Every structure is written in C-alpha cells, then in structure tokens.
N, C-alpha and C. Protein backbone atom coordinates (compact mmCIF):
# COMPACT_ATOMS: atom_id res chain seq x y z
N MET A 1 0.82 -1.09 0.12
CA MET A 1 -0.31 0.17 -0.08
C MET A 1 0.95 0.78 0.04
N ALA A 2 1.77 1.60 0.80
CA ALA A 2 2.74 2.48 0.76
C ALA A 2 3.50 2.71 -0.33
N GLN A 3 3.90 1.68 -0.97
CA GLN A 3 4.42 1.44 -2.57
C GLN A 3 3.39 2.39 -3.43
N ALA A 4 2.42 1.59 -3.57
CA ALA A 4 1.25 2.50 -4.32
C ALA A 4 0.92 4.09 -4.28
N LEU A 5 1.03 4.46 -3.09
CA LEU A 5 0.65 5.50 -2.54
C LEU A 5 1.53 6.68 -2.88
N ALA A 6 2.83 5.81 -2.74
CA ALA A 6 4.30 6.67 -3.20
C ALA A 6 4.41 7.05 -4.67
N ARG A 7 3.53 6.07 -5.13
CA ARG A 7 3.38 6.26 -6.78
C ARG A 7 2.25 6.82 -7.18
N ARG A 8 1.23 6.80 -6.08
CA ARG A 8 -0.11 7.76 -6.43
C ARG A 8 -0.42 6.33 -7.33
N GLN A 9 -0.53 5.56 -7.24
CA GLN A 9 -1.68 4.09 -7.97
C GLN A 9 -2.45 3.86 -6.61
N MET A 10 -2.67 3.87 -5.45
CA MET A 10 -3.45 3.74 -4.79
C MET A 10 -4.58 4.74 -4.58
N PRO A 11 -5.53 5.10 -5.36
CA PRO A 11 -6.41 5.92 -5.21
C PRO A 11 -7.35 5.95 -3.96
N VAL A 12 -7.99 6.88 -3.44
CA VAL A 12 -9.11 6.71 -3.18
C VAL A 12 -10.82 6.49 -3.61
N VAL A 13 -11.04 5.54 -3.35
CA VAL A 13 -12.29 5.11 -4.40
C VAL A 13 -13.45 5.90 -3.97
N GLY A 14 -14.32 6.18 -4.56
CA GLY A 14 -15.71 6.83 -4.10
C GLY A 14 -15.39 7.99 -3.58
N SER A 15 -16.32 8.13 -2.55
CA SER A 15 -16.02 9.60 -1.80
C SER A 15 -14.88 9.44 -0.56
N GLY A 16 -14.64 8.02 -0.32
CA GLY A 16 -13.94 8.14 1.03
C GLY A 16 -14.62 8.24 2.27
N LYS A 17 -15.21 8.34 1.94
CA LYS A 17 -16.31 8.80 3.13
C LYS A 17 -16.22 7.58 4.28
N ASN A 18 -16.34 6.47 3.60
CA ASN A 18 -16.22 5.72 4.57
C ASN A 18 -15.06 5.60 5.49
N TYR A 19 -15.84 4.51 6.96
CA TYR A 19 -15.07 4.24 8.22
C TYR A 19 -13.89 3.00 8.13
N TRP A 20 -12.88 2.76 8.50
CA TRP A 20 -12.30 2.31 8.79
C TRP A 20 -11.90 1.80 10.11
N HIS A 21 -11.50 0.57 10.35
CA HIS A 21 -10.81 0.17 11.61
C HIS A 21 -9.09 -0.44 11.87
N PRO A 22 -8.32 0.92 11.42
CA PRO A 22 -6.71 0.24 11.53
C PRO A 22 -6.65 -0.50 12.53
N LEU A 23 -5.47 -1.16 12.39
CA LEU A 23 -5.06 -1.95 13.63
C LEU A 23 -3.37 -2.25 13.40
N HIS A 24 -2.52 -1.17 14.27
CA HIS A 24 -1.24 -2.05 13.96
C HIS A 24 -0.73 -3.52 14.26
N VAL A 25 0.15 -3.74 13.44
CA VAL A 25 0.22 -5.65 14.00
C VAL A 25 0.73 -5.64 15.07
N GLU A 26 1.34 -4.48 16.02
CA GLU A 26 1.84 -4.95 17.07
C GLU A 26 0.69 -5.27 18.44
N ASP A 27 -0.30 -4.68 17.80
CA ASP A 27 -1.51 -4.22 19.24
C ASP A 27 -2.53 -5.73 18.80
N ALA A 28 -2.37 -5.69 17.03
CA ALA A 28 -2.81 -7.31 17.31
C ALA A 28 -2.29 -8.55 17.45
N ALA A 29 -1.02 -8.99 17.83
CA ALA A 29 -0.55 -9.72 18.23
C ALA A 29 -0.62 -9.61 19.70
N SER A 30 -0.53 -7.77 20.20
CA SER A 30 -0.62 -8.27 22.08
C SER A 30 -2.11 -8.57 22.19
N ALA A 31 -2.83 -8.24 21.26
CA ALA A 31 -4.41 -8.71 21.72
C ALA A 31 -4.52 -10.30 21.43
N PHE A 32 -3.66 -10.91 20.49
CA PHE A 32 -4.08 -12.22 20.73
C PHE A 32 -3.06 -12.77 21.76
N VAL A 33 -2.35 -12.30 21.92
CA VAL A 33 -1.64 -12.95 23.28
C VAL A 33 -2.07 -12.73 24.66
N THR A 34 -3.17 -11.84 24.39
CA THR A 34 -4.10 -11.29 25.78
C THR A 34 -5.00 -12.41 25.86
N ALA A 35 -5.55 -12.69 24.79
CA ALA A 35 -6.91 -13.25 24.79
C ALA A 35 -6.14 -14.95 25.07
N ALA A 36 -5.30 -15.53 24.55
CA ALA A 36 -4.90 -16.98 24.64
C ALA A 36 -4.86 -17.02 26.14
N GLU A 37 -3.56 -15.84 26.47
CA GLU A 37 -3.49 -16.23 28.18
C GLU A 37 -4.51 -16.00 29.18
N ALA A 38 -5.69 -15.29 28.45
CA ALA A 38 -6.85 -15.13 29.76
C ALA A 38 -7.50 -16.62 29.77
N GLY A 39 -7.46 -17.48 28.42
CA GLY A 39 -8.26 -18.82 28.28
C GLY A 39 -9.84 -18.53 28.52
N ARG A 40 -9.74 -17.47 27.89
CA ARG A 40 -11.47 -17.41 27.91
C ARG A 40 -11.86 -17.45 26.53
N ALA A 41 -13.29 -18.32 26.20
CA ALA A 41 -13.74 -18.14 25.17
C ALA A 41 -14.55 -16.90 24.88
N GLY A 42 -14.32 -16.47 23.54
CA GLY A 42 -15.76 -15.04 23.49
C GLY A 42 -15.63 -14.69 21.70
N LEU A 43 -16.32 -13.68 22.04
CA LEU A 43 -15.95 -13.15 20.43
C LEU A 43 -15.81 -11.79 20.75
N TRP A 44 -14.78 -10.88 20.24
CA TRP A 44 -14.22 -9.66 20.43
C TRP A 44 -13.89 -9.00 18.78
N HIS A 45 -14.10 -8.05 18.81
CA HIS A 45 -13.58 -7.04 18.27
C HIS A 45 -12.53 -5.98 18.79
N VAL A 46 -11.05 -6.08 17.69
CA VAL A 46 -9.89 -5.82 18.39
C VAL A 46 -9.08 -4.78 17.16
N VAL A 47 -9.64 -3.68 17.28
CA VAL A 47 -9.21 -2.54 16.45
C VAL A 47 -8.64 -1.08 17.34
N ASP A 48 -8.39 -0.25 17.03
CA ASP A 48 -7.33 0.74 17.17
C ASP A 48 -9.03 1.46 18.10
N ASP A 49 -8.28 2.83 19.02
CA ASP A 49 -9.63 3.37 20.17
C ASP A 49 -10.76 4.49 18.64
N GLU A 50 -10.07 4.55 17.92
CA GLU A 50 -10.69 5.35 16.68
C GLU A 50 -11.12 5.69 15.13
N PRO A 51 -12.00 5.33 14.94
CA PRO A 51 -12.08 5.14 13.35
C PRO A 51 -11.54 6.20 12.45
N VAL A 52 -11.46 5.91 11.59
CA VAL A 52 -10.90 6.89 10.13
C VAL A 52 -11.18 6.93 9.26
N THR A 53 -11.86 7.73 7.94
CA THR A 53 -12.08 7.61 6.88
C THR A 53 -11.09 7.00 5.99
N LEU A 54 -11.57 6.14 4.96
CA LEU A 54 -10.33 6.01 4.26
C LEU A 54 -9.66 7.09 3.60
N ARG A 55 -10.54 8.06 3.31
CA ARG A 55 -9.37 9.46 2.46
C ARG A 55 -8.80 9.98 3.35
N GLU A 56 -9.10 9.76 4.90
CA GLU A 56 -8.15 10.70 5.67
C GLU A 56 -7.12 9.57 6.15
N LEU A 57 -7.54 8.44 5.68
CA LEU A 57 -6.28 7.49 5.90
C LEU A 57 -5.22 7.91 5.02
N LEU A 58 -5.69 7.04 3.75
CA LEU A 58 -4.97 7.37 2.83
C LEU A 58 -3.86 8.55 2.69
N THR A 59 -4.33 9.56 2.60
CA THR A 59 -3.95 11.24 2.60
C THR A 59 -3.24 11.55 3.92
N SER A 60 -3.06 11.23 4.74
CA SER A 60 -2.36 10.87 6.05
C SER A 60 -1.18 10.16 5.58
N PHE A 61 -1.36 9.28 5.16
CA PHE A 61 -0.71 8.08 5.09
C PHE A 61 0.47 8.33 3.97
N ALA A 62 -0.09 8.99 2.79
CA ALA A 62 0.73 9.58 1.71
C ALA A 62 1.61 11.38 2.34
N GLN A 63 0.66 11.70 3.04
CA GLN A 63 1.70 12.90 3.83
C GLN A 63 2.87 12.60 4.50
N HIS A 64 2.88 11.41 5.34
CA HIS A 64 3.95 10.45 6.01
C HIS A 64 4.89 9.91 5.27
N LEU A 65 4.67 9.61 4.18
CA LEU A 65 5.44 9.46 3.00
C LEU A 65 6.25 10.40 2.48
N GLY A 66 5.90 11.68 2.42
CA GLY A 66 6.09 12.93 1.65
C GLY A 66 5.75 12.82 0.15
N ALA A 67 4.88 12.12 0.04
CA ALA A 67 4.13 11.42 -1.76
C ALA A 67 2.95 12.80 -1.73
N LYS A 68 2.69 12.84 -3.01
CA LYS A 68 1.51 13.50 -3.12
C LYS A 68 0.12 12.96 -2.62
N PRO A 69 -0.86 13.64 -2.55
CA PRO A 69 -2.55 12.97 -1.90
C PRO A 69 -2.63 12.14 -2.93
N PRO A 70 -3.65 11.14 -2.48
CA PRO A 70 -3.49 10.13 -3.91
C PRO A 70 -4.86 10.59 -4.35
N ARG A 71 -5.18 10.58 -6.07
CA ARG A 71 -6.40 10.39 -6.48
C ARG A 71 -7.49 10.27 -5.86
N ARG A 72 -8.65 10.86 -6.32
CA ARG A 72 -9.95 10.42 -6.26
C ARG A 72 -10.29 9.50 -7.67
N VAL A 73 -10.93 8.19 -7.05
CA VAL A 73 -11.75 7.49 -8.56
C VAL A 73 -13.25 7.49 -8.31
N PRO A 74 -13.85 7.70 -9.27
CA PRO A 74 -15.34 7.36 -8.95
C PRO A 74 -15.03 5.61 -8.81
N ALA A 75 -15.65 5.19 -7.97
CA ALA A 75 -16.62 3.86 -7.38
C ALA A 75 -16.71 3.09 -9.58
N TRP A 76 -17.56 3.40 -9.77
CA TRP A 76 -18.39 2.90 -11.21
C TRP A 76 -16.79 2.63 -12.42
N LEU A 77 -15.59 3.67 -12.06
CA LEU A 77 -14.66 3.41 -12.96
C LEU A 77 -13.99 2.41 -12.04
N ALA A 78 -13.52 2.52 -11.10
CA ALA A 78 -12.34 1.28 -10.54
C ALA A 78 -13.10 0.28 -10.60
N ARG A 79 -14.47 0.13 -10.83
CA ARG A 79 -15.30 -1.35 -10.75
C ARG A 79 -14.82 -1.79 -12.03
N LEU A 80 -15.08 -1.08 -13.10
CA LEU A 80 -14.50 -1.28 -14.00
C LEU A 80 -13.02 -2.21 -14.52
N LEU A 81 -12.06 -0.70 -13.48
CA LEU A 81 -10.22 -1.13 -13.37
C LEU A 81 -9.91 -2.42 -12.31
N ALA A 82 -10.74 -2.55 -11.32
CA ALA A 82 -10.42 -3.25 -10.85
C ALA A 82 -11.12 -4.61 -10.04
N GLY A 83 -12.61 -4.61 -10.14
CA GLY A 83 -13.71 -5.40 -10.07
C GLY A 83 -14.25 -4.84 -9.03
N SER A 84 -15.39 -5.80 -8.70
CA SER A 84 -16.13 -5.49 -7.74
C SER A 84 -15.78 -5.41 -6.07
N GLN A 85 -15.19 -6.90 -6.23
CA GLN A 85 -14.64 -7.31 -5.00
C GLN A 85 -13.79 -5.95 -4.13
N ALA A 86 -12.46 -5.77 -5.10
CA ALA A 86 -12.05 -4.90 -4.57
C ALA A 86 -12.65 -3.37 -4.50
N VAL A 87 -13.75 -2.88 -5.09
CA VAL A 87 -14.34 -1.61 -5.17
C VAL A 87 -15.07 -1.70 -3.67
N ASP A 88 -16.01 -3.02 -3.32
CA ASP A 88 -16.27 -3.11 -2.44
C ASP A 88 -15.80 -3.09 -1.23
N PHE A 89 -14.45 -3.73 -1.32
CA PHE A 89 -13.89 -3.61 0.17
C PHE A 89 -13.20 -2.06 0.24
N LEU A 90 -12.95 -1.63 -0.93
CA LEU A 90 -12.60 -0.12 -0.55
C LEU A 90 -13.47 0.78 0.02
N THR A 91 -14.62 0.72 -0.12
CA THR A 91 -15.79 1.44 -0.11
C THR A 91 -16.82 1.35 1.16
N ARG A 92 -16.46 0.08 1.51
CA ARG A 92 -17.30 -0.32 2.57
C ARG A 92 -17.29 0.09 3.97
N SER A 93 -18.13 0.77 5.06
CA SER A 93 -17.50 1.28 5.48
C SER A 93 -17.87 -0.02 7.29
N THR A 94 -17.09 0.29 7.85
CA THR A 94 -16.76 -1.00 9.34
C THR A 94 -17.03 0.02 9.90
N ARG A 95 -17.90 -0.12 10.70
CA ARG A 95 -18.27 0.54 12.09
C ARG A 95 -18.13 -0.65 13.27
N THR A 96 -16.91 -0.61 14.59
CA THR A 96 -17.35 -1.55 15.45
C THR A 96 -16.32 -0.53 16.45
N SER A 97 -16.06 -1.66 17.88
CA SER A 97 -15.37 -0.83 18.68
C SER A 97 -14.46 -2.03 19.67
N ASN A 98 -13.80 -1.49 20.18
CA ASN A 98 -12.70 -2.83 20.67
C ASN A 98 -13.45 -2.40 22.21
N THR A 99 -14.32 -1.91 22.48
CA THR A 99 -14.80 -1.66 24.38
C THR A 99 -14.61 -3.05 24.78
N ARG A 100 -15.65 -4.03 24.23
CA ARG A 100 -15.78 -5.23 25.10
C ARG A 100 -14.46 -5.56 25.08
N PHE A 101 -13.62 -6.03 24.56
CA PHE A 101 -11.99 -6.46 24.38
C PHE A 101 -11.73 -5.71 25.35
N ARG A 102 -11.15 -4.59 25.55
CA ARG A 102 -10.83 -3.55 26.63
C ARG A 102 -11.45 -4.29 28.24
N SER A 103 -12.91 -3.95 28.07
CA SER A 103 -13.09 -4.41 29.73
C SER A 103 -13.21 -5.88 30.16
N ASP A 104 -13.45 -6.95 29.08
CA ASP A 104 -13.42 -8.36 29.37
C ASP A 104 -12.03 -9.22 29.91
N LEU A 105 -10.75 -8.22 28.95
CA LEU A 105 -9.34 -8.25 29.24
C LEU A 105 -8.28 -7.79 29.89
N GLY A 106 -9.29 -6.43 29.87
CA GLY A 106 -7.98 -5.31 30.49
C GLY A 106 -6.89 -4.96 29.20
N TRP A 107 -7.05 -5.46 28.04
CA TRP A 107 -6.37 -4.96 26.53
C TRP A 107 -6.33 -3.10 26.69
N SER A 108 -5.43 -2.86 25.93
CA SER A 108 -5.57 -1.31 25.64
C SER A 108 -4.42 -1.53 24.16
N PRO A 109 -4.85 -0.82 23.38
CA PRO A 109 -3.85 -0.73 22.22
C PRO A 109 -2.44 0.23 22.72
N LYS A 110 -1.15 -0.13 21.96
CA LYS A 110 -0.01 0.63 22.26
C LYS A 110 -0.14 1.82 21.55
N TYR A 111 -1.12 1.97 20.17
CA TYR A 111 -0.84 2.53 19.35
C TYR A 111 -2.56 2.77 18.99
N PRO A 112 -3.28 4.31 19.82
CA PRO A 112 -4.76 4.01 20.06
C PRO A 112 -5.27 4.72 19.03
N THR A 113 -4.52 5.12 17.70
CA THR A 113 -5.45 5.68 16.82
C THR A 113 -4.27 5.44 15.70
N TYR A 114 -4.44 5.64 14.49
CA TYR A 114 -4.00 5.28 13.20
C TYR A 114 -2.92 6.30 13.04
N ARG A 115 -3.09 7.37 13.54
CA ARG A 115 -1.76 8.46 13.69
C ARG A 115 -0.23 7.90 14.33
N GLU A 116 -0.80 7.48 15.37
CA GLU A 116 0.24 7.16 16.32
C GLU A 116 1.16 5.85 15.47
N GLY A 117 -0.16 4.81 15.10
CA GLY A 117 0.31 3.54 14.15
C GLY A 117 1.21 4.08 12.65
N LEU A 118 0.86 5.16 11.81
CA LEU A 118 1.28 5.37 10.63
C LEU A 118 2.63 5.71 11.17
N GLU A 119 2.64 6.77 12.23
CA GLU A 119 4.04 7.74 12.73
C GLU A 119 5.14 6.45 12.75
N GLN A 120 4.63 5.65 13.29
CA GLN A 120 5.66 4.31 13.69
C GLN A 120 6.10 3.92 12.62
N VAL A 121 5.48 3.07 11.93
CA VAL A 121 5.79 2.83 10.66
C VAL A 121 6.50 3.30 9.71
N VAL A 122 6.06 4.63 9.63
CA VAL A 122 6.83 5.01 8.62
C VAL A 122 8.15 5.56 8.85
N ASN A 123 8.44 6.05 9.89
CA ASN A 123 9.36 5.94 11.22
C ASN A 123 10.42 4.60 10.86
N GLU A 124 10.21 3.87 11.20
CA GLU A 124 10.54 2.57 10.98
C GLU A 124 11.30 2.35 9.71
N TRP A 125 10.81 2.59 8.84
CA TRP A 125 11.03 2.51 7.13
C TRP A 125 11.97 3.80 7.23
N GLY A 126 12.17 4.69 8.17
CA GLY A 126 13.32 5.55 7.31
C GLY A 126 12.64 6.80 6.58
N GLY A 127 11.53 6.95 7.22
CA GLY A 127 10.37 8.02 6.43
C GLY A 127 9.52 7.62 4.88
N LYS A 128 10.40 6.66 3.78
CA LYS A 128 9.49 6.54 2.91
C LYS A 128 9.18 5.26 2.81
N ALA A 129 8.37 4.69 1.87
CA ALA A 129 7.54 3.40 1.18
C ALA A 129 8.72 2.62 1.15
N PRO A 130 8.68 1.35 1.81
CA PRO A 130 9.35 0.23 1.91
C PRO A 130 9.86 -0.09 -0.27
C-alpha cells in the first residue's frame, strides 16, 4: 500500500467517507496473546480506539511518506478497472469498537489511533515507502 501511495497508484475510491478501523500489527499480536493467556472463550473485535475515513487514512499515509495526496477515482470506474470485490472492500464502512475486549480482558492498544501507528511504521521505514 505504501509503495502504491508513493507512486499515486492507490486512489481513494468513491467518496472516501467510509470508515475503517486500522490496527497496528504490534497491537494485533498483543491482543492475540492477551486472549490466549486469558483462557476465555468469546468473540471480540480488536481495533484501535478511533475509526478513520479511508480518505483521511490514505491522505495522512501519503503525507507521512512525503508523497502527493492520493487521487480520487469514482466507484463505477474503479469497478471496471479493479473489479467489484476490490471496490466493495475499499468503499464499505466498518463500524465497530474494542470496548468489550478492553473491558473483558483489560487490553489496550499501544497505538490507540491510526496517527500513532502510521508515524511508527513510516519512521521504521526511514520516512519512505519500503
């Protein structure tokens, strides 16, 4: 995704107003360990603390990379070029919360929002797409 953003090949599809709940890989791993060590059965959503629109996420990611903002492509055109499954994935809103997981197991993300997560990832790469 970073390489595509840096090359302006990762557009915002449709309005970009759909919500995503990104999660840093370190937080995913710590949530898995927390659940495994708790020894409890359950169904939890593990996400960061703040939903973000796809437009805001991709624009912020591009800024962190020092790249130009992503282009916007209408959904109908993206369907022709990338197919319905890709467009559905990029335009669907996901609204959920980690509240139950936090409450049941006492977990909290190290990177509570996409901002901290993006900053850490891009800094790890030395400020450029890998």
